[in-house]
C-alpha atoms as a PDB file:
ATOM      1  CA  MET A   1      67.794 139.102  15.404  1.00  0.00           C
ATOM      2  CA  ASN A   2      67.244 136.250  17.879  1.00  0.00           C
ATOM      3  CA  GLN A   3      66.063 134.068  15.002  1.00  0.00           C
ATOM      4  CA  GLN A   4      69.265 134.861  13.093  1.00  0.00           C
ATOM      5  CA  LYS A   5      71.420 134.032  16.124  1.00  0.00           C
ATOM      6  CA  GLY A   6      69.615 130.725  16.568  1.00  0.00           C
ATOM      7  CA  TYR A   7      70.096 129.971  12.888  1.00  0.00           C
ATOM      8  CA  THR A   8      73.824 130.709  13.177  1.00  0.00           C
ATOM      9  CA  ARG A   9      74.248 128.479  16.225  1.00  0.00           C
ATOM     10  CA  PHE A  10      72.527 125.660  14.363  1.00  0.00           C
ATOM     11  CA  PHE A  11      75.114 125.760  11.561  1.00  0.00           C
ATOM     12  CA  THR A  12      78.141 126.176  13.836  1.00  0.00           C
ATOM     13  CA  ASN A  13      77.402 123.478  16.407  1.00  0.00           C
ATOM     14  CA  LYS A  14      80.034 120.789  15.793  1.00  0.00           C
ATOM     15  CA  TYR A  15      77.611 117.871  15.955  1.00  0.00           C
ATOM     16  CA  TRP A  16      75.022 119.463  13.684  1.00  0.00           C
ATOM     17  CA  VAL A  17      77.741 120.409  11.182  1.00  0.00           C
ATOM     18  CA  ILE A  18      78.647 116.727  10.833  1.00  0.00           C
ATOM     19  CA  VAL A  19      75.008 115.614  10.593  1.00  0.00           C
ATOM     20  CA  ILE A  20      74.099 118.248   7.983  1.00  0.00           C
ATOM     21  CA  ALA A  21      77.253 117.679   5.909  1.00  0.00           C
ATOM     22  CA  VAL A  22      76.710 113.906   5.812  1.00  0.00           C
ATOM     23  CA  PHE A  23      72.981 114.378   5.086  1.00  0.00           C
ATOM     24  CA  CYS A  24      73.774 116.638   2.109  1.00  0.00           C
ATOM     25  CA  SER A  25      76.378 114.190   0.821  1.00  0.00           C
ATOM     26  CA  VAL A  26      73.963 111.248   0.990  1.00  0.00           C
ATOM     27  CA  LEU A  27      71.347 113.304  -0.875  1.00  0.00           C
ATOM     28  CA  TRP A  28      73.871 114.084  -3.619  1.00  0.00           C
ATOM     29  CA  GLY A  29      74.931 110.440  -3.713  1.00  0.00           C
ATOM     30  CA  SER A  30      71.329 109.355  -4.224  1.00  0.00           C
ATOM     31  CA  ALA A  31      71.058 111.600  -7.297  1.00  0.00           C
ATOM     32  CA  PHE A  32      73.039 109.173  -9.465  1.00  0.00           C
ATOM     33  CA  PRO A  33      70.647 106.189  -9.325  1.00  0.00           C
ATOM     34  CA  VAL A  34      67.579 108.461  -9.164  1.00  0.00           C
ATOM     35  CA  LEU A  35      68.473 110.203 -12.422  1.00  0.00           C
ATOM     36  CA  LYS A  36      69.438 106.957 -14.162  1.00  0.00           C
ATOM     37  CA  VAL A  37      66.043 105.491 -13.233  1.00  0.00           C
ATOM     38  CA  SER A  38      64.343 108.754 -14.280  1.00  0.00           C
ATOM     39  CA  TYR A  39      65.827 108.530 -17.787  1.00  0.00           C
ATOM     40  CA  ASP A  40      64.313 105.072 -18.254  1.00  0.00           C
ATOM     41  CA  GLU A  41      60.978 106.046 -16.709  1.00  0.00           C
ATOM     42  CA  LEU A  42      60.700 109.105 -18.963  1.00  0.00           C
ATOM     43  CA  GLY A  43      61.647 107.089 -22.055  1.00  0.00           C
ATOM     44  CA  MET A  44      64.416 109.591 -22.758  1.00  0.00           C
ATOM     45  CA  ALA A  45      66.817 108.792 -25.625  1.00  0.00           C
ATOM     46  CA  GLU A  46      70.438 108.433 -24.556  1.00  0.00           C
ATOM     47  CA  ASP A  47      71.698 110.971 -27.106  1.00  0.00           C
ATOM     48  CA  ASP A  48      68.886 113.540 -26.672  1.00  0.00           C
ATOM     49  CA  LEU A  49      70.787 116.554 -25.306  1.00  0.00           C
ATOM     50  CA  SER A  50      67.801 118.917 -25.392  1.00  0.00           C
ATOM     51  CA  ALA A  51      65.555 116.600 -23.367  1.00  0.00           C
ATOM     52  CA  LYS A  52      68.152 116.294 -20.620  1.00  0.00           C
ATOM     53  CA  ILE A  53      68.741 120.054 -20.562  1.00  0.00           C
ATOM     54  CA  VAL A  54      64.998 120.706 -20.249  1.00  0.00           C
ATOM     55  CA  PHE A  55      64.559 118.014 -17.587  1.00  0.00           C
ATOM     56  CA  ALA A  56      67.416 119.527 -15.563  1.00  0.00           C
ATOM     57  CA  GLY A  57      65.953 122.994 -16.101  1.00  0.00           C
ATOM     58  CA  ILE A  58      62.536 121.893 -14.813  1.00  0.00           C
ATOM     59  CA  ARG A  59      64.114 120.283 -11.751  1.00  0.00           C
ATOM     60  CA  PHE A  60      66.184 123.306 -10.758  1.00  0.00           C
ATOM     61  CA  MET A  61      63.475 125.834 -11.618  1.00  0.00           C
ATOM     62  CA  MET A  62      61.096 124.038  -9.242  1.00  0.00           C
ATOM     63  CA  SER A  63      63.841 123.809  -6.596  1.00  0.00           C
ATOM     64  CA  SER A  64      64.586 127.523  -6.882  1.00  0.00           C
ATOM     65  CA  LEU A  65      60.912 128.499  -6.591  1.00  0.00           C
ATOM     66  CA  LEU A  66      60.595 126.253  -3.536  1.00  0.00           C
ATOM     67  CA  LEU A  67      63.551 127.945  -1.851  1.00  0.00           C
ATOM     68  CA  LEU A  68      62.514 131.474  -2.813  1.00  0.00           C
ATOM     69  CA  ALA A  69      58.954 130.857  -1.570  1.00  0.00           C
ATOM     70  CA  PHE A  70      60.350 129.532   1.704  1.00  0.00           C
ATOM     71  CA  MET A  71      62.506 132.642   2.125  1.00  0.00           C
ATOM     72  CA  PHE A  72      59.569 134.916   1.230  1.00  0.00           C
ATOM     73  CA  PHE A  73      57.589 133.639   4.212  1.00  0.00           C
ATOM     74  CA  VAL A  74      60.529 133.255   6.609  1.00  0.00           C
ATOM     75  CA  ASP A  75      62.731 136.283   5.893  1.00  0.00           C
ATOM     76  CA  ARG A  76      61.630 138.167   2.774  1.00  0.00           C
ATOM     77  CA  LYS A  77      64.112 140.997   3.394  1.00  0.00           C
ATOM     78  CA  ALA A  78      66.938 138.520   2.771  1.00  0.00           C
ATOM     79  CA  LEU A  79      65.728 138.121  -0.822  1.00  0.00           C
ATOM     80  CA  LYS A  80      66.813 141.675  -1.666  1.00  0.00           C
ATOM     81  CA  VAL A  81      70.022 141.784  -3.686  1.00  0.00           C
ATOM     82  CA  ASN A  82      72.335 144.725  -4.288  1.00  0.00           C
ATOM     83  CA  PRO A  83      72.293 145.488  -8.046  1.00  0.00           C
ATOM     84  CA  ARG A  84      76.091 145.294  -8.075  1.00  0.00           C
ATOM     85  CA  GLN A  85      75.878 141.659  -6.926  1.00  0.00           C
ATOM     86  CA  TRP A  86      73.710 140.459  -9.806  1.00  0.00           C
ATOM     87  CA  PRO A  87      76.568 139.918 -12.313  1.00  0.00           C
ATOM     88  CA  ALA A  88      78.285 137.594  -9.827  1.00  0.00           C
ATOM     89  CA  ILE A  89      75.003 135.769  -9.067  1.00  0.00           C
ATOM     90  CA  ILE A  90      74.338 135.311 -12.796  1.00  0.00           C
ATOM     91  CA  SER A  91      77.859 133.912 -13.209  1.00  0.00           C
ATOM     92  CA  LEU A  92      77.260 131.612 -10.244  1.00  0.00           C
ATOM     93  CA  GLY A  93      74.037 130.313 -11.792  1.00  0.00           C
ATOM     94  CA  LEU A  94      75.785 129.791 -15.128  1.00  0.00           C
ATOM     95  CA  PHE A  95      78.636 127.718 -13.663  1.00  0.00           C
ATOM     96  CA  THR A  96      76.931 125.964 -10.728  1.00  0.00           C
ATOM     97  CA  THR A  97      73.642 125.091 -12.409  1.00  0.00           C
ATOM     98  CA  SER A  98      73.682 125.598 -16.200  1.00  0.00           C
ATOM     99  CA  LEU A  99      77.128 124.343 -17.216  1.00  0.00           C
ATOM    100  CA  SER A 100      77.725 121.928 -14.356  1.00  0.00           C
ATOM    101  CA  TYR A 101      74.416 120.127 -14.822  1.00  0.00           C
ATOM    102  CA  PHE A 102      74.486 120.245 -18.608  1.00  0.00           C
ATOM    103  CA  PHE A 103      77.631 118.121 -18.420  1.00  0.00           C
ATOM    104  CA  PHE A 104      76.327 116.110 -15.453  1.00  0.00           C
ATOM    105  CA  TYR A 105      72.985 115.079 -16.971  1.00  0.00           C
ATOM    106  CA  ASN A 106      74.412 114.244 -20.378  1.00  0.00           C
ATOM    107  CA  GLY A 107      77.530 112.561 -19.008  1.00  0.00           C
ATOM    108  CA  LEU A 108      75.484 110.392 -16.646  1.00  0.00           C
ATOM    109  CA  ALA A 109      73.532 109.037 -19.621  1.00  0.00           C
ATOM    110  CA  HIS A 110      76.757 107.645 -21.108  1.00  0.00           C
ATOM    111  CA  THR A 111      78.345 106.072 -18.041  1.00  0.00           C
ATOM    112  CA  SER A 112      77.344 103.984 -15.028  1.00  0.00           C
ATOM    113  CA  GLY A 113      75.938 105.469 -11.828  1.00  0.00           C
ATOM    114  CA  MET A 114      78.839 104.000  -9.822  1.00  0.00           C
ATOM    115  CA  LYS A 115      81.516 105.426 -12.082  1.00  0.00           C
ATOM    116  CA  ALA A 116      79.733 108.792 -12.253  1.00  0.00           C
ATOM    117  CA  SER A 117      79.599 109.061  -8.450  1.00  0.00           C
ATOM    118  CA  ILE A 118      83.363 108.527  -8.274  1.00  0.00           C
ATOM    119  CA  LEU A 119      84.174 110.837 -11.197  1.00  0.00           C
ATOM    120  CA  ASN A 120      82.001 113.586  -9.747  1.00  0.00           C
ATOM    121  CA  SER A 121      84.421 113.805  -6.807  1.00  0.00           C
ATOM    122  CA  SER A 122      86.916 115.418  -9.178  1.00  0.00           C
ATOM    123  CA  GLY A 123      85.264 118.762  -8.402  1.00  0.00           C
ATOM    124  CA  VAL A 124      86.663 118.722  -4.862  1.00  0.00           C
ATOM    125  CA  PHE A 125      90.165 117.965  -6.135  1.00  0.00           C
ATOM    126  CA  PHE A 126      89.909 120.760  -8.713  1.00  0.00           C
ATOM    127  CA  VAL A 127      88.920 123.173  -5.916  1.00  0.00           C
ATOM    128  CA  VAL A 128      91.912 122.186  -3.782  1.00  0.00           C
ATOM    129  CA  PHE A 129      94.337 122.514  -6.700  1.00  0.00           C
ATOM    130  CA  LEU A 130      93.020 125.855  -8.015  1.00  0.00           C
ATOM    131  CA  ALA A 131      92.669 127.329  -4.505  1.00  0.00           C
ATOM    132  CA  HIS A 132      96.478 127.327  -4.396  1.00  0.00           C
ATOM    133  CA  PHE A 133      96.432 130.014  -7.104  1.00  0.00           C
ATOM    134  CA  VAL A 134      93.304 131.871  -5.917  1.00  0.00           C
ATOM    135  CA  TYR A 135      93.859 132.232  -2.151  1.00  0.00           C
ATOM    136  CA  LYS A 136      97.119 133.234  -0.485  1.00  0.00           C
ATOM    137  CA  ASP A 137      96.245 131.323   2.697  1.00  0.00           C
ATOM    138  CA  ASP A 138      95.196 128.073   1.005  1.00  0.00           C
ATOM    139  CA  ARG A 139      98.439 126.768  -0.497  1.00  0.00           C
ATOM    140  CA  LEU A 140      99.208 123.202  -1.464  1.00  0.00           C
ATOM    141  CA  ASP A 141     101.176 121.203   1.109  1.00  0.00           C
ATOM    142  CA  TRP A 142     102.405 117.613   1.229  1.00  0.00           C
ATOM    143  CA  ARG A 143      99.091 116.387   2.631  1.00  0.00           C
ATOM    144  CA  LYS A 144      97.063 117.993  -0.159  1.00  0.00           C
ATOM    145  CA  VAL A 145      99.461 116.833  -2.876  1.00  0.00           C
ATOM    146  CA  LEU A 146      99.275 113.276  -1.535  1.00  0.00           C
ATOM    147  CA  GLY A 147      95.482 113.537  -1.420  1.00  0.00           C
ATOM    148  CA  LEU A 148      95.330 114.808  -5.007  1.00  0.00           C
ATOM    149  CA  ILE A 149      97.543 111.976  -6.259  1.00  0.00           C
ATOM    150  CA  THR A 150      95.541 109.367  -4.336  1.00  0.00           C
ATOM    151  CA  GLY A 151      92.173 110.815  -5.356  1.00  0.00           C
ATOM    152  CA  PHE A 152      92.942 111.150  -9.046  1.00  0.00           C
ATOM    153  CA  GLY A 153      94.506 107.686  -8.907  1.00  0.00           C
ATOM    154  CA  GLY A 154      91.140 106.375  -7.732  1.00  0.00           C
ATOM    155  CA  ILE A 155      89.381 108.233 -10.550  1.00  0.00           C
ATOM    156  CA  VAL A 156      91.727 106.687 -13.140  1.00  0.00           C
ATOM    157  CA  LEU A 157      91.236 103.239 -11.592  1.00  0.00           C
ATOM    158  CA  SER A 158      87.449 103.610 -11.765  1.00  0.00           C
ATOM    159  CA  ASN A 159      87.805 103.962 -15.549  1.00  0.00           C
ATOM    160  CA  TRP A 160      90.028 100.911 -15.909  1.00  0.00           C
ATOM    161  CA  GLY A 161      88.246  98.143 -17.771  1.00  0.00           C
ATOM    162  CA  GLN A 162      88.315  94.437 -17.045  1.00  0.00           C
ATOM    163  CA  ASP A 163      90.754  93.965 -19.958  1.00  0.00           C
ATOM    164  CA  ALA A 164      93.349  96.219 -18.246  1.00  0.00           C
ATOM    165  CA  SER A 165      92.708  99.061 -20.710  1.00  0.00           C
ATOM    166  CA  LEU A 166      91.525 102.596 -20.014  1.00  0.00           C
ATOM    167  CA  ASN A 167      87.764 102.766 -20.617  1.00  0.00           C
ATOM    168  CA  PHE A 168      87.064 106.467 -21.203  1.00  0.00           C
ATOM    169  CA  SER A 169      84.402 108.257 -23.254  1.00  0.00           C
ATOM    170  CA  PHE A 170      84.471 112.030 -23.732  1.00  0.00           C
ATOM    171  CA  PHE A 171      80.660 112.279 -23.729  1.00  0.00           C
ATOM    172  CA  GLY A 172      80.433 110.094 -20.626  1.00  0.00           C
ATOM    173  CA  GLU A 173      83.398 110.229 -18.269  1.00  0.00           C
ATOM    174  CA  GLY A 174      84.740 113.388 -19.950  1.00  0.00           C
ATOM    175  CA  PHE A 175      81.483 115.261 -19.370  1.00  0.00           C
ATOM    176  CA  MET A 176      81.472 114.193 -15.702  1.00  0.00           C
ATOM    177  CA  LEU A 177      84.965 115.681 -15.262  1.00  0.00           C
ATOM    178  CA  LEU A 178      83.866 118.897 -17.002  1.00  0.00           C
ATOM    179  CA  SER A 179      80.879 119.020 -14.640  1.00  0.00           C
ATOM    180  CA  GLY A 180      83.273 118.912 -11.698  1.00  0.00           C
ATOM    181  CA  LEU A 181      85.410 121.658 -13.231  1.00  0.00           C
ATOM    182  CA  ALA A 182      82.394 123.934 -13.818  1.00  0.00           C
ATOM    183  CA  SER A 183      81.189 123.443 -10.238  1.00  0.00           C
ATOM    184  CA  THR A 184      84.693 124.371  -9.033  1.00  0.00           C
ATOM    185  CA  PHE A 185      84.356 127.907 -10.363  1.00  0.00           C
ATOM    186  CA  GLY A 186      80.903 128.038  -8.794  1.00  0.00           C
ATOM    187  CA  THR A 187      82.387 127.068  -5.429  1.00  0.00           C
ATOM    188  CA  PHE A 188      84.761 130.044  -5.462  1.00  0.00           C
ATOM    189  CA  LEU A 189      81.950 132.445  -6.409  1.00  0.00           C
ATOM    190  CA  SER A 190      79.574 130.981  -3.814  1.00  0.00           C
ATOM    191  CA  LYS A 191      82.144 131.317  -1.042  1.00  0.00           C
ATOM    192  CA  ARG A 192      82.554 135.016  -1.774  1.00  0.00           C
ATOM    193  CA  LEU A 193      78.865 135.823  -2.241  1.00  0.00           C
ATOM    194  CA  SER A 194      77.612 133.878   0.797  1.00  0.00           C
ATOM    195  CA  ALA A 195      79.493 136.254   3.104  1.00  0.00           C
ATOM    196  CA  ASN A 196      77.001 139.018   2.254  1.00  0.00           C
ATOM    197  CA  LEU A 197      73.840 137.138   1.224  1.00  0.00           C
ATOM    198  CA  HIS A 198      71.568 134.703   3.014  1.00  0.00           C
ATOM    199  CA  PRO A 199      72.719 131.247   1.808  1.00  0.00           C
ATOM    200  CA  PHE A 200      69.172 130.036   1.093  1.00  0.00           C
ATOM    201  CA  ALA A 201      68.378 133.182  -0.914  1.00  0.00           C
ATOM    202  CA  LEU A 202      71.682 132.948  -2.796  1.00  0.00           C
ATOM    203  CA  THR A 203      71.011 129.315  -3.665  1.00  0.00           C
ATOM    204  CA  GLY A 204      67.470 130.108  -4.794  1.00  0.00           C
ATOM    205  CA  TRP A 205      68.497 133.001  -7.045  1.00  0.00           C
ATOM    206  CA  GLN A 206      71.430 131.216  -8.681  1.00  0.00           C
ATOM    207  CA  MET A 207      69.296 128.119  -9.319  1.00  0.00           C
ATOM    208  CA  PHE A 208      66.521 130.271 -10.801  1.00  0.00           C
ATOM    209  CA  ILE A 209      68.928 131.992 -13.188  1.00  0.00           C
ATOM    210  CA  GLY A 210      70.806 128.812 -14.090  1.00  0.00           C
ATOM    211  CA  SER A 211      67.621 126.826 -14.733  1.00  0.00           C
ATOM    212  CA  ALA A 212      66.108 129.668 -16.789  1.00  0.00           C
ATOM    213  CA  ILE A 213      69.180 129.581 -19.040  1.00  0.00           C
ATOM    214  CA  MET A 214      68.833 125.802 -19.438  1.00  0.00           C
ATOM    215  CA  LEU A 215      65.139 126.051 -20.338  1.00  0.00           C
ATOM    216  CA  MET A 216      65.766 128.846 -22.860  1.00  0.00           C
ATOM    217  CA  VAL A 217      68.517 126.815 -24.535  1.00  0.00           C
ATOM    218  CA  GLY A 218      66.844 123.392 -24.452  1.00  0.00           C
ATOM    219  CA  THR A 219      63.142 124.078 -25.090  1.00  0.00           C
ATOM    220  CA  PRO A 220      63.378 125.357 -28.714  1.00  0.00           C
ATOM    221  CA  ASN A 221      65.094 122.110 -29.797  1.00  0.00           C
ATOM    222  CA  LEU A 222      62.941 119.744 -27.713  1.00  0.00           C
ATOM    223  CA  LYS A 223      61.412 116.997 -29.851  1.00  0.00           C
ATOM    224  CA  PRO A 224      57.718 116.024 -29.458  1.00  0.00           C
ATOM    225  CA  HIS A 225      57.225 113.204 -26.954  1.00  0.00           C
ATOM    226  CA  ALA A 226      60.899 113.370 -25.924  1.00  0.00           C
ATOM    227  CA  MET A 227      59.767 112.792 -22.334  1.00  0.00           C
ATOM    228  CA  THR A 228      56.727 110.910 -21.017  1.00  0.00           C
ATOM    229  CA  PHE A 229      55.858 111.824 -17.437  1.00  0.00           C
ATOM    230  CA  THR A 230      54.414 108.747 -15.751  1.00  0.00           C
ATOM    231  CA  PRO A 231      53.313 108.833 -12.073  1.00  0.00           C
ATOM    232  CA  ASN A 232      56.665 107.295 -11.102  1.00  0.00           C
ATOM    233  CA  ALA A 233      58.493 109.912 -13.165  1.00  0.00           C
ATOM    234  CA  TRP A 234      56.695 112.687 -11.274  1.00  0.00           C
ATOM    235  CA  LEU A 235      57.663 111.087  -7.953  1.00  0.00           C
ATOM    236  CA  LEU A 236      61.295 110.855  -9.040  1.00  0.00           C
ATOM    237  CA  LEU A 237      61.235 114.481 -10.188  1.00  0.00           C
ATOM    238  CA  GLY A 238      59.710 115.545  -6.868  1.00  0.00           C
ATOM    239  CA  TYR A 239      62.502 113.820  -4.963  1.00  0.00           C
ATOM    240  CA  ALA A 240      65.126 115.396  -7.241  1.00  0.00           C
ATOM    241  CA  VAL A 241      63.587 118.834  -6.599  1.00  0.00           C
ATOM    242  CA  PHE A 242      63.732 118.287  -2.829  1.00  0.00           C
ATOM    243  CA  LEU A 243      67.285 116.950  -3.134  1.00  0.00           C
ATOM    244  CA  SER A 244      68.488 120.058  -4.963  1.00  0.00           C
ATOM    245  CA  ALA A 245      66.745 122.576  -2.728  1.00  0.00           C
ATOM    246  CA  ALA A 246      67.755 120.946   0.562  1.00  0.00           C
ATOM    247  CA  ALA A 247      71.321 119.892  -0.228  1.00  0.00           C
ATOM    248  CA  PHE A 248      72.457 123.076  -1.983  1.00  0.00           C
ATOM    249  CA  ALA A 249      70.846 125.429   0.543  1.00  0.00           C
ATOM    250  CA  LEU A 250      72.182 123.581   3.585  1.00  0.00           C
ATOM    251  CA  TRP A 251      75.654 123.213   2.065  1.00  0.00           C
ATOM    252  CA  THR A 252      75.830 126.921   1.205  1.00  0.00           C
ATOM    253  CA  ALA A 253      74.868 127.692   4.808  1.00  0.00           C
ATOM    254  CA  LEU A 254      77.642 125.422   6.098  1.00  0.00           C
ATOM    255  CA  LEU A 255      80.171 127.183   3.850  1.00  0.00           C
ATOM    256  CA  LYS A 256      79.048 130.547   5.204  1.00  0.00           C
ATOM    257  CA  TYR A 257      79.699 129.698   8.853  1.00  0.00           C
ATOM    258  CA  ASN A 258      82.547 127.166   8.613  1.00  0.00           C
ATOM    259  CA  LYS A 259      85.831 126.771   6.797  1.00  0.00           C
ATOM    260  CA  ALA A 260      85.454 125.181   3.386  1.00  0.00           C
ATOM    261  CA  GLY A 261      87.971 122.432   4.154  1.00  0.00           C
ATOM    262  CA  GLU A 262      86.267 121.458   7.399  1.00  0.00           C
ATOM    263  CA  VAL A 263      82.935 121.029   5.622  1.00  0.00           C
ATOM    264  CA  SER A 264      84.191 119.528   2.349  1.00  0.00           C
ATOM    265  CA  LEU A 265      85.925 116.793   4.337  1.00  0.00           C
ATOM    266  CA  TYR A 266      82.616 114.938   4.481  1.00  0.00           C
ATOM    267  CA  LYS A 267      82.158 114.912   0.711  1.00  0.00           C
ATOM    268  CA  PHE A 268      83.837 111.513   0.685  1.00  0.00           C
ATOM    269  CA  VAL A 269      80.345 110.274   1.609  1.00  0.00           C
ATOM    270  CA  VAL A 270      79.051 111.270  -1.866  1.00  0.00           C
ATOM    271  CA  PRO A 271      80.899 108.620  -3.926  1.00  0.00           C
ATOM    272  CA  VAL A 272      80.443 106.030  -1.175  1.00  0.00           C
ATOM    273  CA  SER A 273      76.667 106.507  -0.949  1.00  0.00           C
ATOM    274  CA  GLY A 274      76.374 106.963  -4.716  1.00  0.00           C
ATOM    275  CA  THR A 275      78.136 103.661  -5.378  1.00  0.00           C
ATOM    276  CA  ILE A 276      76.148 101.723  -2.777  1.00  0.00           C
ATOM    277  CA  LEU A 277      72.786 103.172  -3.835  1.00  0.00           C
ATOM    278  CA  SER A 278      73.561 102.556  -7.521  1.00  0.00           C
ATOM    279  CA  ALA A 279      74.300  98.907  -6.732  1.00  0.00           C
ATOM    280  CA  VAL A 280      71.012  98.639  -4.822  1.00  0.00           C
ATOM    281  CA  PHE A 281      68.664 100.396  -7.254  1.00  0.00           C
ATOM    282  CA  LEU A 282      70.292  99.812 -10.661  1.00  0.00           C
ATOM    283  CA  PRO A 283      70.035  96.110 -11.593  1.00  0.00           C
ATOM    284  CA  ASP A 284      72.801  96.232 -14.219  1.00  0.00           C
ATOM    285  CA  GLU A 285      75.411  97.674 -11.854  1.00  0.00           C
ATOM    286  CA  HIS A 286      77.475  95.596  -9.460  1.00  0.00           C
ATOM    287  CA  ILE A 287      80.273  96.488  -7.066  1.00  0.00           C
ATOM    288  CA  THR A 288      83.567  94.955  -8.212  1.00  0.00           C
ATOM    289  CA  LEU A 289      86.952  94.748  -6.512  1.00  0.00           C
ATOM    290  CA  HIS A 290      88.481  97.541  -8.582  1.00  0.00           C
ATOM    291  CA  THR A 291      85.413  99.709  -7.855  1.00  0.00           C
ATOM    292  CA  ILE A 292      85.957  99.204  -4.120  1.00  0.00           C
ATOM    293  CA  VAL A 293      89.679 100.017  -4.412  1.00  0.00           C
ATOM    294  CA  ALA A 294      88.927 103.112  -6.530  1.00  0.00           C
ATOM    295  CA  LEU A 295      86.312 104.220  -4.006  1.00  0.00           C
ATOM    296  CA  ILE A 296      88.746 103.791  -1.103  1.00  0.00           C
ATOM    297  CA  LEU A 297      91.440 105.795  -2.921  1.00  0.00           C
ATOM    298  CA  VAL A 298      89.000 108.627  -3.700  1.00  0.00           C
ATOM    299  CA  ALA A 299      87.692 108.660  -0.102  1.00  0.00           C
ATOM    300  CA  ILE A 300      91.259 108.780   1.269  1.00  0.00           C
ATOM    301  CA  GLY A 301      92.112 111.544  -1.190  1.00  0.00           C
ATOM    302  CA  LEU A 302      89.055 113.611  -0.239  1.00  0.00           C
ATOM    303  CA  THR A 303      89.864 113.217   3.452  1.00  0.00           C
ATOM    304  CA  ALA A 304      93.532 114.105   2.981  1.00  0.00           C
ATOM    305  CA  VAL A 305      93.012 117.270   0.922  1.00  0.00           C
ATOM    306  CA  ASN A 306      90.487 118.658   3.404  1.00  0.00           C
ATOM    307  CA  GLN A 307      92.010 117.571   6.720  1.00  0.00           C
ATOM    308  CA  LYS A 308      93.701 120.349   8.657  1.00  0.00           C
ATOM    309  CA  GLY A 309      95.325 120.355  12.039  1.00  0.00           C
ATOM    310  CA  LYS A 310      96.169 117.482  14.331  1.00  0.00           C
ATOM    311  CA  LYS A 311      93.249 117.598  16.740  1.00  0.00           C
ATOM    312  CA  GLY A 312      89.562 116.871  16.541  1.00  0.00           C
ATOM    313  CA  LEU A 313      87.438 114.406  14.673  1.00  0.00           C
ATOM    314  CA  PHE A 314      88.695 114.101  11.089  1.00  0.00           C
ATOM    315  CA  GLY A 315      90.693 117.287  11.496  1.00  0.00           C
ATOM    316  CA  PHE A 316      87.792 119.407  12.776  1.00  0.00           C
ATOM    317  CA  LYS A 317      90.060 121.604  14.877  1.00  0.00           C
ATOM    318  CA  LYS A 318      87.954 124.759  14.880  1.00  0.00           C
ATOM    319  CA  TRP A 319      84.177 124.818  14.746  1.00  0.00           C
ATOM    320  CA  ARG A 320      83.117 128.451  14.917  1.00  0.00           C
ATOM    321  CA  GLN A 321      83.992 131.084  12.412  1.00  0.00           C
ATOM    322  CA  THR A 322      82.901 134.688  12.085  1.00  0.00           C
ATOM    323  CA  GLU A 323      81.921 136.166   8.769  1.00  0.00           C
ATOM    324  CA  GLU A 324      85.165 138.161   8.733  1.00  0.00           C
ATOM    325  CA  GLN A 325      87.057 134.861   8.584  1.00  0.00           C
ATOM    326  CA  VAL A 326      85.225 133.644   5.501  1.00  0.00           C
ATOM    327  CA  TYR A 327      87.181 133.849   2.239  1.00  0.00           C
ATOM    328  CA  LYS A 328      86.681 137.256   0.695  1.00  0.00           C
END
């Protein structure tokens, strides 16, 4: 009981909430260049869907086992799930891991890391828009509408080519948008389930189910020598496994003990860090003026749609929240 209280205080302290939210966002931002480099290191063909599905499945299967093993030694009782909750957990794994990362991995192969990091922010805007129809107490207001217009304006600008024409590929940019849409449905399910399940256990189970689906779908069609695991490839995979386990588990915990808008405010760090890290680690990618403007518009949009109240840092008006206050 004391351990649980200490755990709760850790995720409701206003300073730690900021640190953890930014840490998770930087981890997610680093995924874009890491995966682009991984594709080259593995010798993976750009159009090989099965190889990317299997690679994603391996990553999230290892992440899920890491989280579940951690929970087994720390609080094994929290791993128990009510049989009536399994259909929702399976759905969560399907949307959050299987579908979202099928589109993410394959879309990333057909677009730049910078553009992908900006496009991936669409998931937050989809959540804000659809929440208007899902929750009675989360309606659209002028601030959110302005944020949506600004944010999607930045996304459109990021796809604008140097010749003043729209540069859009369904299998690249389109897949990244579909990834954001799939993760949106996962966000709603996660918010409801995390009220009654330990966030680390919930993350572990949904990742396990989602990755198992990916491996079952991708493995039968995997070509021989589709991936070559070099020492560097193993290191990159290890980092990706840590990234998934840490970021998803910590973020789910933040959603459990804080309002979604107060936490999601800091997701503007994802496209910022993703763009900067892509420019640093991907030699063919360079930050241009229209990339900077698009990034600023998306960051402003993310801040606007999540900011609530007139007091506190970036709208953080209320820091503590009981489980009864979490979206049902």
